[in-house]
C-alpha cells in the first residue's frame, strides 16, 4: 500500500523457473499483490511462484504474453487494485525503478506510464544495437500512429496503469501476443488517457532476443491499425473476444 492505494504487480511468465524466485523476492514492500500469470510453463515456474506466496494464474496451453497480461490486469482489478504494474518474469526489469514509475499515476499526472530504456545513459553499452534500431523505429511509428507525444520506447514492457486507464479499454479484446504494447497504447490514446514515460534501467544478460522478423511484421500491422483507429475511429474498432476462451485458473 502506498499513499492509501492498493498496488498490484502482474508478472507474465513462461518457463522462467530460473528467474522467477528472484523477481518475486525482490519486489518492493509497497506492493500489495503479486500476480504471476503462468502462460503454459513446463518447468515448474508456477509452482515456484506459488511457494513464494504469489497469486498464480495458470494458463494451459500458452496463449501469448499479451493475453497473459490482460488476464493479470483483470484479476488485479477484481482484487481491488488501484494501480497495476507489469514486470516480466525473466528478471529484466529493475525493481528499484518501480517507485518512480508509480509516481506520475499516484500524483494524478498520468493514467499510464511506460518505462523508457532508451533515455538511460547505459543503453548504448547494454542493449544490442539491432534492438535499439528496431525499437526506435517501432516507437517512432507508434507515436505517429497514436498521436502520443514524446513516445520513444513503445516496446518496453515495464509499465504502470491506473484503475481508470484499465477500465477505459476492453482488456479481453487486446492483441494477445507480440505487439500487445502497441495495441494497448492505441486504445488508451483513443480513450483520452494520459500516457507518460519514465527512464528505467535496461537490463540484458546476453540472452538471445526472442524477437523475430514475423513479430516485427505483426507489430507493423498493429501500428497500421492504430493509425486507422485514430484517423477513422468508426472504421475500425477492436473486436471483442469476451467469452471466447476460458479464464485462467488461480492456484
C-alpha atoms as a PDB file:
ATOM      1  CA  UNK A   1       0.000   0.000   0.000  1.00  0.00           C
ATOM      2  CA  UNK A   2       1.339   3.421  -0.956  1.00  0.00           C
ATOM      3  CA  UNK A   3      -0.471   6.701  -0.304  1.00  0.00           C
ATOM      4  CA  UNK A   4      -3.574   4.685   0.574  1.00  0.00           C
ATOM      5  CA  UNK A   5      -3.646   2.977  -2.826  1.00  0.00           C
ATOM      6  CA  UNK A   6      -3.565  -0.784  -3.337  1.00  0.00           C
ATOM      7  CA  UNK A   7      -0.741  -1.692  -5.694  1.00  0.00           C
ATOM      8  CA  UNK A   8      -0.544  -4.918  -7.693  1.00  0.00           C
ATOM      9  CA  UNK A   9       2.182  -6.223  -9.979  1.00  0.00           C
ATOM     10  CA  UNK A  10       1.365  -8.566 -12.847  1.00  0.00           C
ATOM     11  CA  UNK A  11       4.210 -10.904 -13.792  1.00  0.00           C
ATOM     12  CA  UNK A  12       3.710 -12.734 -17.117  1.00  0.00           C
ATOM     13  CA  UNK A  13       5.967 -15.787 -17.172  1.00  0.00           C
ATOM     14  CA  UNK A  14       6.597 -18.765 -19.382  1.00  0.00           C
ATOM     15  CA  UNK A  15       9.343 -21.231 -18.451  1.00  0.00           C
ATOM     16  CA  UNK A  16      11.063 -18.761 -16.138  1.00  0.00           C
ATOM     17  CA  UNK A  17      11.904 -21.160 -13.300  1.00  0.00           C
ATOM     18  CA  UNK A  18      15.489 -19.876 -13.251  1.00  0.00           C
ATOM     19  CA  UNK A  19      14.461 -16.260 -12.685  1.00  0.00           C
ATOM     20  CA  UNK A  20      11.007 -16.150 -11.094  1.00  0.00           C
ATOM     21  CA  UNK A  21      12.134 -16.520  -7.483  1.00  0.00           C
ATOM     22  CA  UNK A  22      14.437 -13.513  -7.855  1.00  0.00           C
ATOM     23  CA  UNK A  23      11.662 -11.447  -9.404  1.00  0.00           C
ATOM     24  CA  UNK A  24       9.253 -12.204  -6.560  1.00  0.00           C
ATOM     25  CA  UNK A  25      11.746 -11.891  -3.714  1.00  0.00           C
ATOM     26  CA  UNK A  26      12.995  -8.505  -4.966  1.00  0.00           C
ATOM     27  CA  UNK A  27       9.562  -6.865  -5.118  1.00  0.00           C
ATOM     28  CA  UNK A  28       9.453  -3.614  -3.131  1.00  0.00           C
ATOM     29  CA  UNK A  29       7.482  -3.747   0.130  1.00  0.00           C
ATOM     30  CA  UNK A  30       4.965  -1.240  -1.226  1.00  0.00           C
ATOM     31  CA  UNK A  31       3.499  -3.973  -3.487  1.00  0.00           C
ATOM     32  CA  UNK A  32       0.298  -5.475  -2.061  1.00  0.00           C
ATOM     33  CA  UNK A  33      -0.411  -8.196  -4.638  1.00  0.00           C
ATOM     34  CA  UNK A  34       1.959 -10.167  -6.876  1.00  0.00           C
ATOM     35  CA  UNK A  35       0.044 -11.916  -9.656  1.00  0.00           C
ATOM     36  CA  UNK A  36       2.120 -14.379 -11.668  1.00  0.00           C
ATOM     37  CA  UNK A  37       0.444 -15.477 -14.896  1.00  0.00           C
ATOM     38  CA  UNK A  38       1.990 -18.833 -15.778  1.00  0.00           C
ATOM     39  CA  UNK A  39       1.479 -18.987 -19.533  1.00  0.00           C
ATOM     40  CA  UNK A  40       1.849 -22.680 -20.296  1.00  0.00           C
ATOM     41  CA  UNK A  41       5.164 -23.262 -18.493  1.00  0.00           C
ATOM     42  CA  UNK A  42       6.619 -26.774 -18.418  1.00  0.00           C
ATOM     43  CA  UNK A  43       9.468 -26.122 -15.966  1.00  0.00           C
ATOM     44  CA  UNK A  44       7.607 -25.545 -12.699  1.00  0.00           C
ATOM     45  CA  UNK A  45       7.517 -21.731 -12.896  1.00  0.00           C
ATOM     46  CA  UNK A  46       4.024 -21.563 -11.382  1.00  0.00           C
ATOM     47  CA  UNK A  47       4.823 -23.952  -8.554  1.00  0.00           C
ATOM     48  CA  UNK A  48       7.870 -21.893  -7.538  1.00  0.00           C
ATOM     49  CA  UNK A  49       5.861 -18.667  -7.593  1.00  0.00           C
ATOM     50  CA  UNK A  50       3.104 -20.213  -5.507  1.00  0.00           C
ATOM     51  CA  UNK A  51       5.570 -21.420  -2.864  1.00  0.00           C
ATOM     52  CA  UNK A  52       6.865 -17.864  -2.584  1.00  0.00           C
ATOM     53  CA  UNK A  53       3.378 -16.518  -1.846  1.00  0.00           C
ATOM     54  CA  UNK A  54       2.349 -15.078  -5.197  1.00  0.00           C
ATOM     55  CA  UNK A  55      -1.126 -15.449  -6.641  1.00  0.00           C
ATOM     56  CA  UNK A  56      -0.673 -17.743  -9.636  1.00  0.00           C
ATOM     57  CA  UNK A  57      -2.989 -17.804 -12.645  1.00  0.00           C
ATOM     58  CA  UNK A  58      -2.376 -20.914 -14.719  1.00  0.00           C
ATOM     59  CA  UNK A  59      -2.945 -20.849 -18.458  1.00  0.00           C
ATOM     60  CA  UNK A  60      -2.627 -24.032 -20.481  1.00  0.00           C
ATOM     61  CA  UNK A  61      -1.913 -24.126 -23.300  1.00  0.00           C
ATOM     62  CA  UNK A  62       0.058 -20.894 -23.648  1.00  0.00           C
ATOM     63  CA  UNK A  63      -1.927 -18.031 -25.196  1.00  0.00           C
ATOM     64  CA  UNK A  64       0.725 -15.325 -25.519  1.00  0.00           C
ATOM     65  CA  UNK A  65       2.253 -12.603 -23.411  1.00  0.00           C
ATOM     66  CA  UNK A  66      -0.438 -10.058 -24.244  1.00  0.00           C
ATOM     67  CA  UNK A  67      -3.243 -12.382 -23.212  1.00  0.00           C
ATOM     68  CA  UNK A  68      -1.329 -13.206 -20.008  1.00  0.00           C
ATOM     69  CA  UNK A  69      -1.007  -9.533 -19.102  1.00  0.00           C
ATOM     70  CA  UNK A  70      -4.690  -8.899 -19.843  1.00  0.00           C
ATOM     71  CA  UNK A  71      -5.670 -11.800 -17.562  1.00  0.00           C
ATOM     72  CA  UNK A  72      -3.409 -10.433 -14.849  1.00  0.00           C
ATOM     73  CA  UNK A  73      -4.909  -6.958 -15.196  1.00  0.00           C
ATOM     74  CA  UNK A  74      -8.437  -8.299 -14.907  1.00  0.00           C
ATOM     75  CA  UNK A  75      -7.548 -10.295 -11.790  1.00  0.00           C
ATOM     76  CA  UNK A  76      -5.856  -7.277 -10.209  1.00  0.00           C
ATOM     77  CA  UNK A  77      -8.975  -5.190 -10.766  1.00  0.00           C
ATOM     78  CA  UNK A  78     -11.088  -7.919  -9.146  1.00  0.00           C
ATOM     79  CA  UNK A  79      -8.766  -7.812  -6.138  1.00  0.00           C
ATOM     80  CA  UNK A  80      -9.436  -4.096  -5.809  1.00  0.00           C
ATOM     81  CA  UNK A  81      -6.087  -2.771  -7.043  1.00  0.00           C
ATOM     82  CA  UNK A  82      -5.918   0.972  -7.642  1.00  0.00           C
ATOM     83  CA  UNK A  83      -2.652   0.843  -9.580  1.00  0.00           C
ATOM     84  CA  UNK A  84      -1.229  -2.106 -11.544  1.00  0.00           C
ATOM     85  CA  UNK A  85       2.351  -2.522 -12.733  1.00  0.00           C
ATOM     86  CA  UNK A  86       3.756  -5.112 -15.132  1.00  0.00           C
ATOM     87  CA  UNK A  87       7.169  -6.694 -14.569  1.00  0.00           C
ATOM     88  CA  UNK A  88       8.388  -9.595 -16.702  1.00  0.00           C
ATOM     89  CA  UNK A  89       9.193 -12.959 -15.167  1.00  0.00           C
ATOM     90  CA  UNK A  90      12.697 -13.012 -16.660  1.00  0.00           C
ATOM     91  CA  UNK A  91      14.200 -10.516 -14.205  1.00  0.00           C
ATOM     92  CA  UNK A  92      14.972  -7.895 -16.857  1.00  0.00           C
ATOM     93  CA  UNK A  93      13.163  -5.087 -15.040  1.00  0.00           C
ATOM     94  CA  UNK A  94      14.887  -3.404 -12.130  1.00  0.00           C
ATOM     95  CA  UNK A  95      12.614  -3.322  -9.035  1.00  0.00           C
ATOM     96  CA  UNK A  96      14.333  -0.144  -7.829  1.00  0.00           C
ATOM     97  CA  UNK A  97      12.699   1.700 -10.740  1.00  0.00           C
ATOM     98  CA  UNK A  98       9.155   0.830  -9.656  1.00  0.00           C
ATOM     99  CA  UNK A  99       8.568   3.773  -7.250  1.00  0.00           C
ATOM    100  CA  UNK A 100       9.487   6.268  -9.969  1.00  0.00           C
ATOM    101  CA  UNK A 101       7.149   4.568 -12.442  1.00  0.00           C
ATOM    102  CA  UNK A 102       4.341   4.663  -9.901  1.00  0.00           C
ATOM    103  CA  UNK A 103       4.810   8.345  -9.022  1.00  0.00           C
ATOM    104  CA  UNK A 104       3.085  10.012 -12.034  1.00  0.00           C
ATOM    105  CA  UNK A 105      -0.013   7.819 -11.575  1.00  0.00           C
ATOM    106  CA  UNK A 106      -0.140   8.283  -7.811  1.00  0.00           C
ATOM    107  CA  UNK A 107       0.325  12.049  -8.236  1.00  0.00           C
ATOM    108  CA  UNK A 108      -2.523  12.212 -10.770  1.00  0.00           C
ATOM    109  CA  UNK A 109      -0.223  13.391 -13.577  1.00  0.00           C
ATOM    110  CA  UNK A 110      -0.724  10.300 -15.759  1.00  0.00           C
ATOM    111  CA  UNK A 111      -3.079   7.391 -16.327  1.00  0.00           C
ATOM    112  CA  UNK A 112      -0.481   5.073 -17.861  1.00  0.00           C
ATOM    113  CA  UNK A 113       3.296   5.140 -17.503  1.00  0.00           C
ATOM    114  CA  UNK A 114       5.804   3.328 -19.700  1.00  0.00           C
ATOM    115  CA  UNK A 115       9.403   2.626 -18.899  1.00  0.00           C
ATOM    116  CA  UNK A 116      11.849   4.256 -21.288  1.00  0.00           C
ATOM    117  CA  UNK A 117      15.122   2.346 -21.641  1.00  0.00           C
ATOM    118  CA  UNK A 118      16.415   4.498 -24.491  1.00  0.00           C
ATOM    119  CA  UNK A 119      16.836   7.586 -22.312  1.00  0.00           C
ATOM    120  CA  UNK A 120      19.044   5.741 -19.825  1.00  0.00           C
ATOM    121  CA  UNK A 121      22.760   6.633 -20.124  1.00  0.00           C
ATOM    122  CA  UNK A 122      23.793   2.959 -20.149  1.00  0.00           C
ATOM    123  CA  UNK A 123      21.573   1.880 -23.022  1.00  0.00           C
ATOM    124  CA  UNK A 124      24.258   2.010 -25.721  1.00  0.00           C
ATOM    125  CA  UNK A 125      26.515  -0.218 -23.638  1.00  0.00           C
ATOM    126  CA  UNK A 126      23.842  -2.679 -22.515  1.00  0.00           C
ATOM    127  CA  UNK A 127      21.249  -3.066 -25.254  1.00  0.00           C
ATOM    128  CA  UNK A 128      22.326  -4.654 -28.557  1.00  0.00           C
ATOM    129  CA  UNK A 129      22.458  -2.156 -31.419  1.00  0.00           C
ATOM    130  CA  UNK A 130      19.951  -4.075 -33.552  1.00  0.00           C
ATOM    131  CA  UNK A 131      17.380  -3.931 -30.767  1.00  0.00           C
ATOM    132  CA  UNK A 132      17.938  -0.201 -30.348  1.00  0.00           C
ATOM    133  CA  UNK A 133      17.449   0.428 -34.063  1.00  0.00           C
ATOM    134  CA  UNK A 134      14.323  -1.716 -34.373  1.00  0.00           C
ATOM    135  CA  UNK A 135      12.891  -0.416 -31.092  1.00  0.00           C
ATOM    136  CA  UNK A 136      13.485   3.184 -32.116  1.00  0.00           C
ATOM    137  CA  UNK A 137      11.782   2.682 -35.471  1.00  0.00           C
ATOM    138  CA  UNK A 138       8.751   0.950 -33.957  1.00  0.00           C
ATOM    139  CA  UNK A 139       8.467   3.652 -31.300  1.00  0.00           C
ATOM    140  CA  UNK A 140       8.540   6.460 -33.868  1.00  0.00           C
ATOM    141  CA  UNK A 141       5.882   4.721 -35.948  1.00  0.00           C
ATOM    142  CA  UNK A 142       3.715   4.047 -32.876  1.00  0.00           C
ATOM    143  CA  UNK A 143       3.976   7.677 -31.746  1.00  0.00           C
ATOM    144  CA  UNK A 144       2.884   8.865 -35.190  1.00  0.00           C
ATOM    145  CA  UNK A 145       0.005   6.371 -35.406  1.00  0.00           C
ATOM    146  CA  UNK A 146      -1.354   7.014 -31.912  1.00  0.00           C
ATOM    147  CA  UNK A 147      -0.611  10.719 -31.567  1.00  0.00           C
ATOM    148  CA  UNK A 148       1.207  10.177 -28.261  1.00  0.00           C
ATOM    149  CA  UNK A 149       3.813  12.934 -27.991  1.00  0.00           C
ATOM    150  CA  UNK A 150       7.346  12.050 -26.929  1.00  0.00           C
ATOM    151  CA  UNK A 151       6.927   8.272 -27.121  1.00  0.00           C
ATOM    152  CA  UNK A 152      10.419   6.846 -27.502  1.00  0.00           C
ATOM    153  CA  UNK A 153      10.194   3.251 -26.198  1.00  0.00           C
ATOM    154  CA  UNK A 154       6.871   1.773 -27.229  1.00  0.00           C
ATOM    155  CA  UNK A 155       8.057  -1.822 -26.766  1.00  0.00           C
ATOM    156  CA  UNK A 156       9.163  -1.590 -23.140  1.00  0.00           C
ATOM    157  CA  UNK A 157       7.010  -3.899 -21.042  1.00  0.00           C
ATOM    158  CA  UNK A 158       7.744  -2.208 -17.711  1.00  0.00           C
ATOM    159  CA  UNK A 159       4.544  -0.229 -17.163  1.00  0.00           C
ATOM    160  CA  UNK A 160       2.166   1.162 -14.559  1.00  0.00           C
ATOM    161  CA  UNK A 161      -1.551   1.697 -15.162  1.00  0.00           C
ATOM    162  CA  UNK A 162      -4.260   3.325 -13.095  1.00  0.00           C
ATOM    163  CA  UNK A 163      -7.550   1.588 -12.491  1.00  0.00           C
ATOM    164  CA  UNK A 164      -9.143   4.313 -14.614  1.00  0.00           C
ATOM    165  CA  UNK A 165      -6.873   3.513 -17.565  1.00  0.00           C
ATOM    166  CA  UNK A 166      -7.516  -0.223 -17.404  1.00  0.00           C
ATOM    167  CA  UNK A 167     -11.247   0.343 -17.091  1.00  0.00           C
ATOM    168  CA  UNK A 168     -11.249   2.522 -20.218  1.00  0.00           C
ATOM    169  CA  UNK A 169     -10.495  -0.380 -22.597  1.00  0.00           C
ATOM    170  CA  UNK A 170     -11.834  -3.870 -23.227  1.00  0.00           C
ATOM    171  CA  UNK A 171      -8.866  -5.870 -21.952  1.00  0.00           C
ATOM    172  CA  UNK A 172     -10.180  -9.114 -23.391  1.00  0.00           C
ATOM    173  CA  UNK A 173     -10.145  -7.630 -26.907  1.00  0.00           C
ATOM    174  CA  UNK A 174      -6.469  -6.659 -26.940  1.00  0.00           C
ATOM    175  CA  UNK A 175      -3.915  -8.348 -29.171  1.00  0.00           C
ATOM    176  CA  UNK A 176      -2.769 -11.477 -27.296  1.00  0.00           C
ATOM    177  CA  UNK A 177       0.863 -11.839 -28.431  1.00  0.00           C
ATOM    178  CA  UNK A 178       3.830  -9.739 -29.552  1.00  0.00           C
ATOM    179  CA  UNK A 179       2.542  -6.269 -30.376  1.00  0.00           C
ATOM    180  CA  UNK A 180       0.328  -6.059 -27.295  1.00  0.00           C
ATOM    181  CA  UNK A 181       2.012  -2.810 -26.064  1.00  0.00           C
ATOM    182  CA  UNK A 182       1.299  -1.056 -29.362  1.00  0.00           C
ATOM    183  CA  UNK A 183      -2.340  -2.152 -29.399  1.00  0.00           C
ATOM    184  CA  UNK A 184      -2.870  -1.060 -25.795  1.00  0.00           C
ATOM    185  CA  UNK A 185      -1.236   2.321 -26.413  1.00  0.00           C
ATOM    186  CA  UNK A 186      -3.551   2.840 -29.383  1.00  0.00           C
ATOM    187  CA  UNK A 187      -6.701   2.168 -27.367  1.00  0.00           C
ATOM    188  CA  UNK A 188      -5.537   4.197 -24.375  1.00  0.00           C
ATOM    189  CA  UNK A 189      -4.851   7.165 -26.644  1.00  0.00           C
ATOM    190  CA  UNK A 190      -8.245   6.720 -28.283  1.00  0.00           C
ATOM    191  CA  UNK A 191      -9.847   6.760 -24.825  1.00  0.00           C
ATOM    192  CA  UNK A 192      -8.077  10.027 -23.962  1.00  0.00           C
ATOM    193  CA  UNK A 193      -5.788   8.538 -21.314  1.00  0.00           C
ATOM    194  CA  UNK A 194      -2.646  10.476 -20.395  1.00  0.00           C
ATOM    195  CA  UNK A 195       0.499   8.494 -21.236  1.00  0.00           C
ATOM    196  CA  UNK A 196       3.902   9.378 -19.770  1.00  0.00           C
ATOM    197  CA  UNK A 197       7.378   7.852 -19.878  1.00  0.00           C
ATOM    198  CA  UNK A 198       9.901   7.381 -17.081  1.00  0.00           C
ATOM    199  CA  UNK A 199      13.529   6.391 -17.578  1.00  0.00           C
ATOM    200  CA  UNK A 200      14.273   2.828 -16.482  1.00  0.00           C
ATOM    201  CA  UNK A 201      17.434   0.773 -16.413  1.00  0.00           C
ATOM    202  CA  UNK A 202      17.975  -1.503 -19.433  1.00  0.00           C
ATOM    203  CA  UNK A 203      18.843  -4.992 -18.148  1.00  0.00           C
ATOM    204  CA  UNK A 204      20.403  -7.550 -20.501  1.00  0.00           C
ATOM    205  CA  UNK A 205      22.441 -10.581 -19.568  1.00  0.00           C
ATOM    206  CA  UNK A 206      23.468 -11.835 -23.002  1.00  0.00           C
ATOM    207  CA  UNK A 207      20.269 -13.784 -23.733  1.00  0.00           C
ATOM    208  CA  UNK A 208      19.300 -14.256 -27.358  1.00  0.00           C
ATOM    209  CA  UNK A 209      16.438 -11.999 -28.385  1.00  0.00           C
ATOM    210  CA  UNK A 210      13.056 -13.651 -28.873  1.00  0.00           C
ATOM    211  CA  UNK A 211      12.048 -11.001 -31.401  1.00  0.00           C
ATOM    212  CA  UNK A 212      11.777 -12.358 -34.936  1.00  0.00           C
ATOM    213  CA  UNK A 213      11.007 -10.869 -38.343  1.00  0.00           C
ATOM    214  CA  UNK A 214       7.397 -12.036 -38.219  1.00  0.00           C
ATOM    215  CA  UNK A 215       6.978 -10.342 -34.836  1.00  0.00           C
ATOM    216  CA  UNK A 216       8.137  -7.047 -36.330  1.00  0.00           C
ATOM    217  CA  UNK A 217       5.761  -7.558 -39.266  1.00  0.00           C
ATOM    218  CA  UNK A 218       2.871  -8.181 -36.877  1.00  0.00           C
ATOM    219  CA  UNK A 219       3.725  -5.097 -34.848  1.00  0.00           C
ATOM    220  CA  UNK A 220       3.841  -3.095 -38.075  1.00  0.00           C
ATOM    221  CA  UNK A 221       0.340  -4.274 -38.957  1.00  0.00           C
ATOM    222  CA  UNK A 222      -0.913  -3.328 -35.493  1.00  0.00           C
ATOM    223  CA  UNK A 223       0.632   0.120 -35.838  1.00  0.00           C
ATOM    224  CA  UNK A 224      -1.193   0.473 -39.146  1.00  0.00           C
ATOM    225  CA  UNK A 225      -4.434  -0.482 -37.427  1.00  0.00           C
ATOM    226  CA  UNK A 226      -3.705   2.100 -34.736  1.00  0.00           C
ATOM    227  CA  UNK A 227      -3.367   4.779 -37.394  1.00  0.00           C
ATOM    228  CA  UNK A 228      -6.733   3.782 -38.881  1.00  0.00           C
ATOM    229  CA  UNK A 229      -8.351   3.903 -35.451  1.00  0.00           C
ATOM    230  CA  UNK A 230      -7.054   7.418 -34.959  1.00  0.00           C
ATOM    231  CA  UNK A 231      -7.926   8.736 -38.404  1.00  0.00           C
ATOM    232  CA  UNK A 232     -11.233   6.910 -38.851  1.00  0.00           C
ATOM    233  CA  UNK A 233     -12.437   5.728 -35.427  1.00  0.00           C
ATOM    234  CA  UNK A 234     -15.736   4.470 -36.818  1.00  0.00           C
ATOM    235  CA  UNK A 235     -13.992   2.272 -39.402  1.00  0.00           C
ATOM    236  CA  UNK A 236     -12.049   0.086 -37.059  1.00  0.00           C
ATOM    237  CA  UNK A 237     -12.916  -0.913 -33.535  1.00  0.00           C
ATOM    238  CA  UNK A 238     -11.207  -3.653 -31.539  1.00  0.00           C
ATOM    239  CA  UNK A 239     -13.290  -6.831 -31.852  1.00  0.00           C
ATOM    240  CA  UNK A 240     -14.457  -8.261 -28.559  1.00  0.00           C
ATOM    241  CA  UNK A 241     -13.145 -11.672 -27.570  1.00  0.00           C
ATOM    242  CA  UNK A 242     -15.203 -11.947 -24.389  1.00  0.00           C
ATOM    243  CA  UNK A 243     -16.274 -15.491 -23.788  1.00  0.00           C
ATOM    244  CA  UNK A 244     -14.009 -16.894 -26.483  1.00  0.00           C
ATOM    245  CA  UNK A 245     -11.629 -18.551 -24.042  1.00  0.00           C
ATOM    246  CA  UNK A 246     -11.899 -19.997 -20.571  1.00  0.00           C
ATOM    247  CA  UNK A 247     -10.407 -17.774 -17.847  1.00  0.00           C
ATOM    248  CA  UNK A 248      -7.097 -18.797 -16.304  1.00  0.00           C
ATOM    249  CA  UNK A 249      -7.195 -20.951 -13.210  1.00  0.00           C
ATOM    250  CA  UNK A 250      -5.997 -19.470  -9.944  1.00  0.00           C
ATOM    251  CA  UNK A 251      -3.826 -21.833  -7.937  1.00  0.00           C
END
